[in-house]
Structure formats: structure tokens, C-alpha cells
Amino acid sequence: MSELYKAMKRIEDYQSTKPLYKQIAEIKGIASTARYGYDIQPKLTIPKSIAEMIDKEIMADAVTKFAMFHEGFERFWLSYELQMYCAKKKDYALVSAYLAGKALGVDLVKVVEG
């Protein structure tokens, strides 16, 4: 085989294969058009009462709110209810992801009734 034929064959093989993110999305059944062709819908949820509590307690823009939440949690100046909710590492990470998503303008964590 000539080098040209080999190169053309490699290009055809490359073009015929789907990118990995599309293959994964098809396997998981995620099909919507967004950035990169597929959008991964948020699977994480946070209670609406906690989201409202955060928004009520920390009055700032989204980026500052993210930083203030972490500082407030470490210095214990958040409300008792919010401190108790965030006492578990999982819930603390959920609130962090919720605030990070708001700061980035992306829906990482879905707010649900509760």
C-alpha cells in the first residue's frame, strides 16, 4: 500500500467514528442539542427551601455568593439550619455545586420542591 492510500484510509476511519462523548451520550440515552452536540442534564438536586435560604442569607452577585458561602460555613456565621444541612460532606458539596453553577451560568444542580 502506498503512503497516500494509508493516509486516506486513516482519514476515512477517523471520520466514520463518532466522538467518544457522542457514543457515551447515546449509550446513556442523553439526546439533546447543546454545546458539543449533547447536553448532560443535571442529575443533582437541592431542596427549594435550602436554595431560598442561601439566596436570602447571602446578598451578593453569584461569584461573590459562592465565596461568601464557603467563608460563612467555615466561620459559622450562616444560619443554624443551613449549617446543619451542610454538616454532611455530600450536602456541602451539593450547595457548592449549586452556587458554582449559578456563578458560571450553568444549571449543574436542579432545585426541587422540599
PDB file of N, CA and C in Angstrom:
ATOM      1  N   MET A   1       0.838  -1.187   0.000  1.00  0.00           N
ATOM      2  CA  MET A   1       0.000   0.000   0.000  1.00  0.00           C
ATOM      3  C   MET A   1       0.879   1.246   0.000  1.00  0.00           C
ATOM      4  N   SER A   2       0.436   2.210  -0.738  1.00  0.00           N
ATOM      5  CA  SER A   2       1.192   3.460  -0.765  1.00  0.00           C
ATOM      6  C   SER A   2       0.899   4.281   0.494  1.00  0.00           C
ATOM      7  N   GLU A   3       1.773   5.198   0.779  1.00  0.00           N
ATOM      8  CA  GLU A   3       1.609   6.064   1.949  1.00  0.00           C
ATOM      9  C   GLU A   3       0.361   6.928   1.807  1.00  0.00           C
ATOM     10  N   LEU A   4       0.075   7.376   0.599  1.00  0.00           N
ATOM     11  CA  LEU A   4      -1.104   8.191   0.352  1.00  0.00           C
ATOM     12  C   LEU A   4      -2.374   7.396   0.648  1.00  0.00           C
ATOM     13  N   TYR A   5      -2.428   6.157   0.193  1.00  0.00           N
ATOM     14  CA  TYR A   5      -3.589   5.310   0.439  1.00  0.00           C
ATOM     15  C   TYR A   5      -3.781   5.085   1.944  1.00  0.00           C
ATOM     16  N   LYS A   6      -2.675   4.827   2.654  1.00  0.00           N
ATOM     17  CA  LYS A   6      -2.752   4.627   4.106  1.00  0.00           C
ATOM     18  C   LYS A   6      -3.288   5.868   4.807  1.00  0.00           C
ATOM     19  N   ALA A   7      -2.795   7.037   4.378  1.00  0.00           N
ATOM     20  CA  ALA A   7      -3.250   8.290   4.995  1.00  0.00           C
ATOM     21  C   ALA A   7      -4.731   8.515   4.726  1.00  0.00           C
ATOM     22  N   MET A   8      -5.178   8.264   3.501  1.00  0.00           N
ATOM     23  CA  MET A   8      -6.592   8.429   3.161  1.00  0.00           C
ATOM     24  C   MET A   8      -7.459   7.455   3.950  1.00  0.00           C
ATOM     25  N   LYS A   9      -6.964   6.241   4.128  1.00  0.00           N
ATOM     26  CA  LYS A   9      -7.708   5.229   4.893  1.00  0.00           C
ATOM     27  C   LYS A   9      -7.859   5.668   6.355  1.00  0.00           C
ATOM     28  N   ARG A  10      -6.779   6.222   6.919  1.00  0.00           N
ATOM     29  CA  ARG A  10      -6.848   6.709   8.299  1.00  0.00           C
ATOM     30  C   ARG A  10      -7.853   7.848   8.436  1.00  0.00           C
ATOM     31  N   ILE A  11      -7.898   8.740   7.444  1.00  0.00           N
ATOM     32  CA  ILE A  11      -8.854   9.847   7.492  1.00  0.00           C
ATOM     33  C   ILE A  11     -10.279   9.315   7.408  1.00  0.00           C
ATOM     34  N   GLU A  12     -10.530   8.359   6.537  1.00  0.00           N
ATOM     35  CA  GLU A  12     -11.864   7.765   6.426  1.00  0.00           C
ATOM     36  C   GLU A  12     -12.262   7.073   7.719  1.00  0.00           C
ATOM     37  N   ASP A  13     -11.345   6.342   8.314  1.00  0.00           N
ATOM     38  CA  ASP A  13     -11.634   5.665   9.578  1.00  0.00           C
ATOM     39  C   ASP A  13     -11.949   6.679  10.674  1.00  0.00           C
ATOM     40  N   TYR A  14     -11.196   7.743  10.695  1.00  0.00           N
ATOM     41  CA  TYR A  14     -11.408   8.778  11.719  1.00  0.00           C
ATOM     42  C   TYR A  14     -12.763   9.447  11.532  1.00  0.00           C
ATOM     43  N   GLN A  15     -13.111   9.768  10.293  1.00  0.00           N
ATOM     44  CA  GLN A  15     -14.363  10.449  10.032  1.00  0.00           C
ATOM     45  C   GLN A  15     -15.566   9.549  10.257  1.00  0.00           C
ATOM     46  N   SER A  16     -15.399   8.282  10.119  1.00  0.00           N
ATOM     47  CA  SER A  16     -16.533   7.370  10.276  1.00  0.00           C
ATOM     48  C   SER A  16     -16.835   7.075  11.742  1.00  0.00           C
ATOM     49  N   THR A  17     -15.879   7.274  12.611  1.00  0.00           N
ATOM     50  CA  THR A  17     -16.127   7.009  14.030  1.00  0.00           C
ATOM     51  C   THR A  17     -16.703   8.244  14.686  1.00  0.00           C
ATOM     52  N   LYS A  18     -17.628   8.034  15.583  1.00  0.00           N
ATOM     53  CA  LYS A  18     -18.216   9.138  16.315  1.00  0.00           C
ATOM     54  C   LYS A  18     -17.291   9.509  17.471  1.00  0.00           C
ATOM     55  N   PRO A  19     -17.294  10.772  17.824  1.00  0.00           N
ATOM     56  CA  PRO A  19     -16.513  11.157  19.000  1.00  0.00           C
ATOM     57  C   PRO A  19     -17.012  10.423  20.243  1.00  0.00           C
ATOM     58  N   LEU A  20     -16.143  10.254  21.183  1.00  0.00           N
ATOM     59  CA  LEU A  20     -16.452   9.488  22.386  1.00  0.00           C
ATOM     60  C   LEU A  20     -17.632  10.072  23.156  1.00  0.00           C
ATOM     61  N   TYR A  21     -17.717  11.417  23.260  1.00  0.00           N
ATOM     62  CA  TYR A  21     -18.810  11.996  24.025  1.00  0.00           C
ATOM     63  C   TYR A  21     -20.166  11.690  23.395  1.00  0.00           C
ATOM     64  N   LYS A  22     -20.209  11.573  22.065  1.00  0.00           N
ATOM     65  CA  LYS A  22     -21.465  11.221  21.408  1.00  0.00           C
ATOM     66  C   LYS A  22     -21.814   9.761  21.661  1.00  0.00           C
ATOM     67  N   GLN A  23     -20.815   8.885  21.639  1.00  0.00           N
ATOM     68  CA  GLN A  23     -21.065   7.473  21.911  1.00  0.00           C
ATOM     69  C   GLN A  23     -21.591   7.288  23.329  1.00  0.00           C
ATOM     70  N   ILE A  24     -20.964   7.961  24.286  1.00  0.00           N
ATOM     71  CA  ILE A  24     -21.399   7.855  25.681  1.00  0.00           C
ATOM     72  C   ILE A  24     -22.810   8.386  25.842  1.00  0.00           C
ATOM     73  N   ALA A  25     -23.097   9.526  25.214  1.00  0.00           N
ATOM     74  CA  ALA A  25     -24.434  10.112  25.311  1.00  0.00           C
ATOM     75  C   ALA A  25     -25.487   9.175  24.740  1.00  0.00           C
ATOM     76  N   GLU A  26     -25.182   8.504  23.628  1.00  0.00           N
ATOM     77  CA  GLU A  26     -26.138   7.573  23.046  1.00  0.00           C
ATOM     78  C   GLU A  26     -26.359   6.364  23.939  1.00  0.00           C
ATOM     79  N   ILE A  27     -25.292   5.864  24.544  1.00  0.00           N
ATOM     80  CA  ILE A  27     -25.408   4.713  25.440  1.00  0.00           C
ATOM     81  C   ILE A  27     -26.272   5.063  26.644  1.00  0.00           C
ATOM     82  N   LYS A  28     -26.052   6.256  27.210  1.00  0.00           N
ATOM     83  CA  LYS A  28     -26.812   6.669  28.391  1.00  0.00           C
ATOM     84  C   LYS A  28     -28.191   7.211  28.049  1.00  0.00           C
ATOM     85  N   GLY A  29     -28.481   7.383  26.771  1.00  0.00           N
ATOM     86  CA  GLY A  29     -29.798   7.860  26.364  1.00  0.00           C
ATOM     87  C   GLY A  29     -29.961   9.355  26.490  1.00  0.00           C
ATOM     88  N   ILE A  30     -28.888  10.088  26.457  1.00  0.00           N
ATOM     89  CA  ILE A  30     -28.957  11.536  26.558  1.00  0.00           C
ATOM     90  C   ILE A  30     -28.940  12.081  25.133  1.00  0.00           C
ATOM     91  N   ALA A  31     -30.000  12.701  24.757  1.00  0.00           N
ATOM     92  CA  ALA A  31     -30.035  13.236  23.395  1.00  0.00           C
ATOM     93  C   ALA A  31     -30.649  14.620  23.409  1.00  0.00           C
ATOM     94  N   SER A  32     -29.834  15.621  23.324  1.00  0.00           N
ATOM     95  CA  SER A  32     -30.308  16.978  23.123  1.00  0.00           C
ATOM     96  C   SER A  32     -29.184  17.773  22.500  1.00  0.00           C
ATOM     97  N   THR A  33     -29.543  18.853  21.880  1.00  0.00           N
ATOM     98  CA  THR A  33     -28.516  19.630  21.208  1.00  0.00           C
ATOM     99  C   THR A  33     -28.117  20.806  22.067  1.00  0.00           C
ATOM    100  N   ALA A  34     -26.890  20.858  22.396  1.00  0.00           N
ATOM    101  CA  ALA A  34     -26.325  21.957  23.158  1.00  0.00           C
ATOM    102  C   ALA A  34     -24.850  22.007  22.821  1.00  0.00           C
ATOM    103  N   ARG A  35     -24.083  22.512  23.712  1.00  0.00           N
ATOM    104  CA  ARG A  35     -22.646  22.615  23.479  1.00  0.00           C
ATOM    105  C   ARG A  35     -22.072  21.223  23.213  1.00  0.00           C
ATOM    106  N   TYR A  36     -21.242  21.083  22.251  1.00  0.00           N
ATOM    107  CA  TYR A  36     -20.605  19.840  21.818  1.00  0.00           C
ATOM    108  C   TYR A  36     -21.597  18.828  21.259  1.00  0.00           C
ATOM    109  N   GLY A  37     -22.806  19.254  20.960  1.00  0.00           N
ATOM    110  CA  GLY A  37     -23.768  18.351  20.351  1.00  0.00           C
ATOM    111  C   GLY A  37     -24.654  17.615  21.336  1.00  0.00           C
ATOM    112  N   TYR A  38     -24.217  17.466  22.556  1.00  0.00           N
ATOM    113  CA  TYR A  38     -25.017  16.759  23.554  1.00  0.00           C
ATOM    114  C   TYR A  38     -24.938  17.503  24.874  1.00  0.00           C
ATOM    115  N   ASP A  39     -26.029  17.506  25.574  1.00  0.00           N
ATOM    116  CA  ASP A  39     -26.105  18.211  26.839  1.00  0.00           C
ATOM    117  C   ASP A  39     -26.405  17.204  27.928  1.00  0.00           C
ATOM    118  N   ILE A  40     -25.600  17.185  28.951  1.00  0.00           N
ATOM    119  CA  ILE A  40     -25.845  16.288  30.069  1.00  0.00           C
ATOM    120  C   ILE A  40     -26.759  17.013  31.048  1.00  0.00           C
ATOM    121  N   GLN A  41     -27.941  16.480  31.232  1.00  0.00           N
ATOM    122  CA  GLN A  41     -28.921  17.112  32.095  1.00  0.00           C
ATOM    123  C   GLN A  41     -28.519  16.953  33.559  1.00  0.00           C
ATOM    124  N   PRO A  42     -28.849  17.937  34.391  1.00  0.00           N
ATOM    125  CA  PRO A  42     -28.465  17.843  35.800  1.00  0.00           C
ATOM    126  C   PRO A  42     -29.136  16.667  36.501  1.00  0.00           C
ATOM    127  N   LYS A  43     -28.360  15.906  37.214  1.00  0.00           N
ATOM    128  CA  LYS A  43     -28.878  14.774  37.975  1.00  0.00           C
ATOM    129  C   LYS A  43     -28.913  15.097  39.468  1.00  0.00           C
ATOM    130  N   LEU A  44     -28.203  16.151  39.866  1.00  0.00           N
ATOM    131  CA  LEU A  44     -28.152  16.539  41.259  1.00  0.00           C
ATOM    132  C   LEU A  44     -29.325  17.448  41.583  1.00  0.00           C
ATOM    133  N   THR A  45     -29.856  17.298  42.788  1.00  0.00           N
ATOM    134  CA  THR A  45     -30.979  18.130  43.195  1.00  0.00           C
ATOM    135  C   THR A  45     -30.720  18.720  44.568  1.00  0.00           C
ATOM    136  N   ILE A  46     -31.305  19.886  44.788  1.00  0.00           N
ATOM    137  CA  ILE A  46     -31.211  20.561  46.074  1.00  0.00           C
ATOM    138  C   ILE A  46     -32.618  21.035  46.423  1.00  0.00           C
ATOM    139  N   PRO A  47     -33.017  20.951  47.689  1.00  0.00           N
ATOM    140  CA  PRO A  47     -34.355  21.405  48.071  1.00  0.00           C
ATOM    141  C   PRO A  47     -34.528  22.909  47.839  1.00  0.00           C
ATOM    142  N   LYS A  48     -35.724  23.296  47.436  1.00  0.00           N
ATOM    143  CA  LYS A  48     -36.015  24.700  47.162  1.00  0.00           C
ATOM    144  C   LYS A  48     -35.841  25.544  48.422  1.00  0.00           C
ATOM    145  N   SER A  49     -36.181  24.983  49.571  1.00  0.00           N
ATOM    146  CA  SER A  49     -36.056  25.736  50.826  1.00  0.00           C
ATOM    147  C   SER A  49     -34.602  26.104  51.114  1.00  0.00           C
ATOM    148  N   ILE A  50     -33.674  25.207  50.817  1.00  0.00           N
ATOM    149  CA  ILE A  50     -32.248  25.477  51.037  1.00  0.00           C
ATOM    150  C   ILE A  50     -31.762  26.527  50.039  1.00  0.00           C
ATOM    151  N   ALA A  51     -32.174  26.402  48.776  1.00  0.00           N
ATOM    152  CA  ALA A  51     -31.774  27.379  47.758  1.00  0.00           C
ATOM    153  C   ALA A  51     -32.276  28.776  48.130  1.00  0.00           C
ATOM    154  N   GLU A  52     -33.526  28.858  48.602  1.00  0.00           N
ATOM    155  CA  GLU A  52     -34.069  30.149  49.016  1.00  0.00           C
ATOM    156  C   GLU A  52     -33.342  30.687  50.241  1.00  0.00           C
ATOM    157  N   MET A  53     -32.982  29.801  51.166  1.00  0.00           N
ATOM    158  CA  MET A  53     -32.261  30.213  52.361  1.00  0.00           C
ATOM    159  C   MET A  53     -30.893  30.809  51.995  1.00  0.00           C
ATOM    160  N   ILE A  54     -30.216  30.170  51.063  1.00  0.00           N
ATOM    161  CA  ILE A  54     -28.911  30.670  50.626  1.00  0.00           C
ATOM    162  C   ILE A  54     -29.070  32.044  49.978  1.00  0.00           C
ATOM    163  N   ASP A  55     -30.065  32.166  49.088  1.00  0.00           N
ATOM    164  CA  ASP A  55     -30.281  33.434  48.401  1.00  0.00           C
ATOM    165  C   ASP A  55     -30.693  34.541  49.374  1.00  0.00           C
ATOM    166  N   LYS A  56     -31.428  34.174  50.419  1.00  0.00           N
ATOM    167  CA  LYS A  56     -31.879  35.156  51.412  1.00  0.00           C
ATOM    168  C   LYS A  56     -30.733  35.596  52.329  1.00  0.00           C
ATOM    169  N   GLU A  57     -29.906  34.662  52.737  1.00  0.00           N
ATOM    170  CA  GLU A  57     -28.832  34.968  53.683  1.00  0.00           C
ATOM    171  C   GLU A  57     -27.656  35.705  53.060  1.00  0.00           C
ATOM    172  N   ILE A  58     -27.300  35.332  51.858  1.00  0.00           N
ATOM    173  CA  ILE A  58     -26.115  35.908  51.224  1.00  0.00           C
ATOM    174  C   ILE A  58     -26.565  36.794  50.075  1.00  0.00           C
ATOM    175  N   MET A  59     -26.514  38.089  50.301  1.00  0.00           N
ATOM    176  CA  MET A  59     -26.918  39.059  49.281  1.00  0.00           C
ATOM    177  C   MET A  59     -25.677  39.530  48.532  1.00  0.00           C
ATOM    178  N   ALA A  60     -25.452  38.975  47.370  1.00  0.00           N
ATOM    179  CA  ALA A  60     -24.298  39.369  46.553  1.00  0.00           C
ATOM    180  C   ALA A  60     -24.498  38.805  45.153  1.00  0.00           C
ATOM    181  N   ASP A  61     -23.577  39.171  44.248  1.00  0.00           N
ATOM    182  CA  ASP A  61     -23.640  38.575  42.915  1.00  0.00           C
ATOM    183  C   ASP A  61     -23.239  37.103  43.023  1.00  0.00           C
ATOM    184  N   ALA A  62     -23.456  36.342  41.962  1.00  0.00           N
ATOM    185  CA  ALA A  62     -23.291  34.889  42.013  1.00  0.00           C
ATOM    186  C   ALA A  62     -21.876  34.447  42.363  1.00  0.00           C
ATOM    187  N   VAL A  63     -20.865  35.128  41.832  1.00  0.00           N
ATOM    188  CA  VAL A  63     -19.484  34.727  42.100  1.00  0.00           C
ATOM    189  C   VAL A  63     -19.120  35.015  43.557  1.00  0.00           C
ATOM    190  N   THR A  64     -19.503  36.183  44.043  1.00  0.00           N
ATOM    191  CA  THR A  64     -19.217  36.544  45.430  1.00  0.00           C
ATOM    192  C   THR A  64     -19.996  35.661  46.391  1.00  0.00           C
ATOM    193  N   LYS A  65     -21.225  35.307  46.006  1.00  0.00           N
ATOM    194  CA  LYS A  65     -22.058  34.443  46.860  1.00  0.00           C
ATOM    195  C   LYS A  65     -21.385  33.095  47.080  1.00  0.00           C
ATOM    196  N   PHE A  66     -20.751  32.558  46.027  1.00  0.00           N
ATOM    197  CA  PHE A  66     -20.032  31.290  46.139  1.00  0.00           C
ATOM    198  C   PHE A  66     -18.922  31.394  47.179  1.00  0.00           C
ATOM    199  N   ALA A  67     -18.115  32.452  47.099  1.00  0.00           N
ATOM    200  CA  ALA A  67     -17.004  32.639  48.039  1.00  0.00           C
ATOM    201  C   ALA A  67     -17.511  32.914  49.450  1.00  0.00           C
ATOM    202  N   MET A  68     -18.561  33.717  49.562  1.00  0.00           N
ATOM    203  CA  MET A  68     -19.094  34.058  50.885  1.00  0.00           C
ATOM    204  C   MET A  68     -19.712  32.842  51.579  1.00  0.00           C
ATOM    205  N   PHE A  69     -20.305  31.956  50.809  1.00  0.00           N
ATOM    206  CA  PHE A  69     -20.877  30.748  51.409  1.00  0.00           C
ATOM    207  C   PHE A  69     -19.781  29.918  52.075  1.00  0.00           C
ATOM    208  N   HIS A  70     -18.686  29.718  51.366  1.00  0.00           N
ATOM    209  CA  HIS A  70     -17.601  28.911  51.925  1.00  0.00           C
ATOM    210  C   HIS A  70     -16.990  29.570  53.152  1.00  0.00           C
ATOM    211  N   GLU A  71     -16.782  30.860  53.089  1.00  0.00           N
ATOM    212  CA  GLU A  71     -16.227  31.557  54.248  1.00  0.00           C
ATOM    213  C   GLU A  71     -17.213  31.540  55.410  1.00  0.00           C
ATOM    214  N   GLY A  72     -18.488  31.761  55.109  1.00  0.00           N
ATOM    215  CA  GLY A  72     -19.512  31.746  56.155  1.00  0.00           C
ATOM    216  C   GLY A  72     -19.646  30.387  56.815  1.00  0.00           C
ATOM    217  N   PHE A  73     -19.512  29.329  56.045  1.00  0.00           N
ATOM    218  CA  PHE A  73     -19.599  27.989  56.625  1.00  0.00           C
ATOM    219  C   PHE A  73     -18.416  27.725  57.547  1.00  0.00           C
ATOM    220  N   GLU A  74     -17.227  28.121  57.118  1.00  0.00           N
ATOM    221  CA  GLU A  74     -16.031  27.902  57.944  1.00  0.00           C
ATOM    222  C   GLU A  74     -16.042  28.743  59.207  1.00  0.00           C
ATOM    223  N   ARG A  75     -16.604  29.941  59.132  1.00  0.00           N
ATOM    224  CA  ARG A  75     -16.599  30.854  60.283  1.00  0.00           C
ATOM    225  C   ARG A  75     -17.887  30.796  61.100  1.00  0.00           C
ATOM    226  N   PHE A  76     -18.803  29.901  60.727  1.00  0.00           N
ATOM    227  CA  PHE A  76     -20.058  29.665  61.459  1.00  0.00           C
ATOM    228  C   PHE A  76     -20.956  30.893  61.529  1.00  0.00           C
ATOM    229  N   TRP A  77     -21.023  31.714  60.484  1.00  0.00           N
ATOM    230  CA  TRP A  77     -21.967  32.822  60.522  1.00  0.00           C
ATOM    231  C   TRP A  77     -23.181  32.608  59.626  1.00  0.00           C
ATOM    232  N   LEU A  78     -23.321  31.399  59.099  1.00  0.00           N
ATOM    233  CA  LEU A  78     -24.549  31.057  58.386  1.00  0.00           C
ATOM    234  C   LEU A  78     -25.610  30.667  59.409  1.00  0.00           C
ATOM    235  N   SER A  79     -26.870  30.641  58.994  1.00  0.00           N
ATOM    236  CA  SER A  79     -27.944  30.263  59.917  1.00  0.00           C
ATOM    237  C   SER A  79     -27.745  28.824  60.407  1.00  0.00           C
ATOM    238  N   TYR A  80     -28.351  28.527  61.529  1.00  0.00           N
ATOM    239  CA  TYR A  80     -28.232  27.206  62.133  1.00  0.00           C
ATOM    240  C   TYR A  80     -28.744  26.125  61.177  1.00  0.00           C
ATOM    241  N   GLU A  81     -29.890  26.386  60.535  1.00  0.00           N
ATOM    242  CA  GLU A  81     -30.479  25.400  59.622  1.00  0.00           C
ATOM    243  C   GLU A  81     -29.548  25.096  58.451  1.00  0.00           C
ATOM    244  N   LEU A  82     -28.957  26.156  57.900  1.00  0.00           N
ATOM    245  CA  LEU A  82     -28.048  25.966  56.773  1.00  0.00           C
ATOM    246  C   LEU A  82     -26.765  25.263  57.206  1.00  0.00           C
ATOM    247  N   GLN A  83     -26.277  25.587  58.386  1.00  0.00           N
ATOM    248  CA  GLN A  83     -25.079  24.905  58.918  1.00  0.00           C
ATOM    249  C   GLN A  83     -25.365  23.417  59.121  1.00  0.00           C
ATOM    250  N   MET A  84     -26.534  23.099  59.652  1.00  0.00           N
ATOM    251  CA  MET A  84     -26.876  21.698  59.892  1.00  0.00           C
ATOM    252  C   MET A  84     -27.069  20.944  58.582  1.00  0.00           C
ATOM    253  N   TYR A  85     -27.666  21.600  57.589  1.00  0.00           N
ATOM    254  CA  TYR A  85     -27.842  20.952  56.288  1.00  0.00           C
ATOM    255  C   TYR A  85     -26.483  20.651  55.659  1.00  0.00           C
ATOM    256  N   CYS A  86     -25.558  21.578  55.767  1.00  0.00           N
ATOM    257  CA  CYS A  86     -24.243  21.436  55.140  1.00  0.00           C
ATOM    258  C   CYS A  86     -23.253  20.649  56.001  1.00  0.00           C
ATOM    259  N   ALA A  87     -23.686  20.135  57.136  1.00  0.00           N
ATOM    260  CA  ALA A  87     -22.779  19.391  58.014  1.00  0.00           C
ATOM    261  C   ALA A  87     -22.278  18.112  57.341  1.00  0.00           C
ATOM    262  N   LYS A  88     -23.119  17.500  56.522  1.00  0.00           N
ATOM    263  CA  LYS A  88     -22.679  16.321  55.773  1.00  0.00           C
ATOM    264  C   LYS A  88     -21.876  16.782  54.557  1.00  0.00           C
ATOM    265  N   LYS A  89     -20.808  16.093  54.267  1.00  0.00           N
ATOM    266  CA  LYS A  89     -19.946  16.472  53.141  1.00  0.00           C
ATOM    267  C   LYS A  89     -20.707  16.473  51.823  1.00  0.00           C
ATOM    268  N   LYS A  90     -21.619  15.511  51.656  1.00  0.00           N
ATOM    269  CA  LYS A  90     -22.381  15.412  50.417  1.00  0.00           C
ATOM    270  C   LYS A  90     -23.247  16.655  50.216  1.00  0.00           C
ATOM    271  N   ASP A  91     -23.941  17.074  51.263  1.00  0.00           N
ATOM    272  CA  ASP A  91     -24.818  18.231  51.149  1.00  0.00           C
ATOM    273  C   ASP A  91     -24.025  19.525  50.984  1.00  0.00           C
ATOM    274  N   TYR A  92     -22.878  19.605  51.643  1.00  0.00           N
ATOM    275  CA  TYR A  92     -21.997  20.765  51.477  1.00  0.00           C
ATOM    276  C   TYR A  92     -21.522  20.853  50.023  1.00  0.00           C
ATOM    277  N   ALA A  93     -21.179  19.714  49.450  1.00  0.00           N
ATOM    278  CA  ALA A  93     -20.738  19.676  48.059  1.00  0.00           C
ATOM    279  C   ALA A  93     -21.885  20.033  47.111  1.00  0.00           C
ATOM    280  N   LEU A  94     -23.099  19.612  47.445  1.00  0.00           N
ATOM    281  CA  LEU A  94     -24.267  19.946  46.623  1.00  0.00           C
ATOM    282  C   LEU A  94     -24.505  21.449  46.598  1.00  0.00           C
ATOM    283  N   VAL A  95     -24.441  22.077  47.765  1.00  0.00           N
ATOM    284  CA  VAL A  95     -24.637  23.527  47.834  1.00  0.00           C
ATOM    285  C   VAL A  95     -23.515  24.229  47.081  1.00  0.00           C
ATOM    286  N   SER A  96     -22.296  23.732  47.213  1.00  0.00           N
ATOM    287  CA  SER A  96     -21.163  24.312  46.486  1.00  0.00           C
ATOM    288  C   SER A  96     -21.375  24.200  44.982  1.00  0.00           C
ATOM    289  N   ALA A  97     -21.833  23.044  44.526  1.00  0.00           N
ATOM    290  CA  ALA A  97     -22.087  22.844  43.096  1.00  0.00           C
ATOM    291  C   ALA A  97     -23.226  23.745  42.618  1.00  0.00           C
ATOM    292  N   TYR A  98     -24.248  23.899  43.445  1.00  0.00           N
ATOM    293  CA  TYR A  98     -25.371  24.774  43.104  1.00  0.00           C
ATOM    294  C   TYR A  98     -24.886  26.208  42.913  1.00  0.00           C
ATOM    295  N   LEU A  99     -24.079  26.689  43.853  1.00  0.00           N
ATOM    296  CA  LEU A  99     -23.567  28.057  43.765  1.00  0.00           C
ATOM    297  C   LEU A  99     -22.558  28.215  42.627  1.00  0.00           C
ATOM    298  N   ALA A 100     -21.744  27.192  42.396  1.00  0.00           N
ATOM    299  CA  ALA A 100     -20.788  27.248  41.285  1.00  0.00           C
ATOM    300  C   ALA A 100     -21.528  27.307  39.951  1.00  0.00           C
ATOM    301  N   GLY A 101     -22.584  26.538  39.829  1.00  0.00           N
ATOM    302  CA  GLY A 101     -23.384  26.569  38.611  1.00  0.00           C
ATOM    303  C   GLY A 101     -24.001  27.932  38.370  1.00  0.00           C
ATOM    304  N   LYS A 102     -24.497  28.545  39.444  1.00  0.00           N
ATOM    305  CA  LYS A 102     -25.064  29.889  39.314  1.00  0.00           C
ATOM    306  C   LYS A 102     -23.990  30.888  38.908  1.00  0.00           C
ATOM    307  N   ALA A 103     -22.792  30.736  39.463  1.00  0.00           N
ATOM    308  CA  ALA A 103     -21.700  31.656  39.136  1.00  0.00           C
ATOM    309  C   ALA A 103     -21.259  31.491  37.683  1.00  0.00           C
ATOM    310  N   LEU A 104     -21.308  30.269  37.184  1.00  0.00           N
ATOM    311  CA  LEU A 104     -20.897  30.005  35.804  1.00  0.00           C
ATOM    312  C   LEU A 104     -22.020  30.193  34.800  1.00  0.00           C
ATOM    313  N   GLY A 105     -23.241  30.325  35.311  1.00  0.00           N
ATOM    314  CA  GLY A 105     -24.382  30.461  34.417  1.00  0.00           C
ATOM    315  C   GLY A 105     -24.817  29.151  33.808  1.00  0.00           C
ATOM    316  N   VAL A 106     -24.559  28.051  34.522  1.00  0.00           N
ATOM    317  CA  VAL A 106     -24.883  26.706  34.046  1.00  0.00           C
ATOM    318  C   VAL A 106     -25.781  26.040  35.089  1.00  0.00           C
ATOM    319  N   ASP A 107     -26.715  25.234  34.641  1.00  0.00           N
ATOM    320  CA  ASP A 107     -27.623  24.547  35.557  1.00  0.00           C
ATOM    321  C   ASP A 107     -27.011  23.204  35.972  1.00  0.00           C
ATOM    322  N   LEU A 108     -26.140  23.226  36.980  1.00  0.00           N
ATOM    323  CA  LEU A 108     -25.489  21.997  37.451  1.00  0.00           C
ATOM    324  C   LEU A 108     -26.390  21.224  38.410  1.00  0.00           C
ATOM    325  N   VAL A 109     -27.097  21.943  39.270  1.00  0.00           N
ATOM    326  CA  VAL A 109     -27.934  21.326  40.289  1.00  0.00           C
ATOM    327  C   VAL A 109     -29.354  21.843  40.112  1.00  0.00           C
ATOM    328  N   LYS A 110     -30.299  20.928  40.044  1.00  0.00           N
ATOM    329  CA  LYS A 110     -31.697  21.286  39.849  1.00  0.00           C
ATOM    330  C   LYS A 110     -32.340  21.550  41.207  1.00  0.00           C
ATOM    331  N   VAL A 111     -33.118  22.621  41.285  1.00  0.00           N
ATOM    332  CA  VAL A 111     -33.845  22.959  42.516  1.00  0.00           C
ATOM    333  C   VAL A 111     -35.198  22.271  42.454  1.00  0.00           C
ATOM    334  N   VAL A 112     -35.504  21.476  43.498  1.00  0.00           N
ATOM    335  CA  VAL A 112     -36.778  20.741  43.551  1.00  0.00           C
ATOM    336  C   VAL A 112     -37.532  21.149  44.802  1.00  0.00           C
ATOM    337  N   GLU A 113     -38.809  20.854  44.817  1.00  0.00           N
ATOM    338  CA  GLU A 113     -39.639  21.152  45.993  1.00  0.00           C
ATOM    339  C   GLU A 113     -39.140  20.369  47.195  1.00  0.00           C
ATOM    340  N   GLY A 114     -39.163  21.026  48.321  1.00  0.00           N
ATOM    341  CA  GLY A 114     -38.738  20.327  49.539  1.00  0.00           C
ATOM    342  C   GLY A 114     -38.216  21.241  50.579  1.00  0.00           C
TER     343      GLY A 114
END
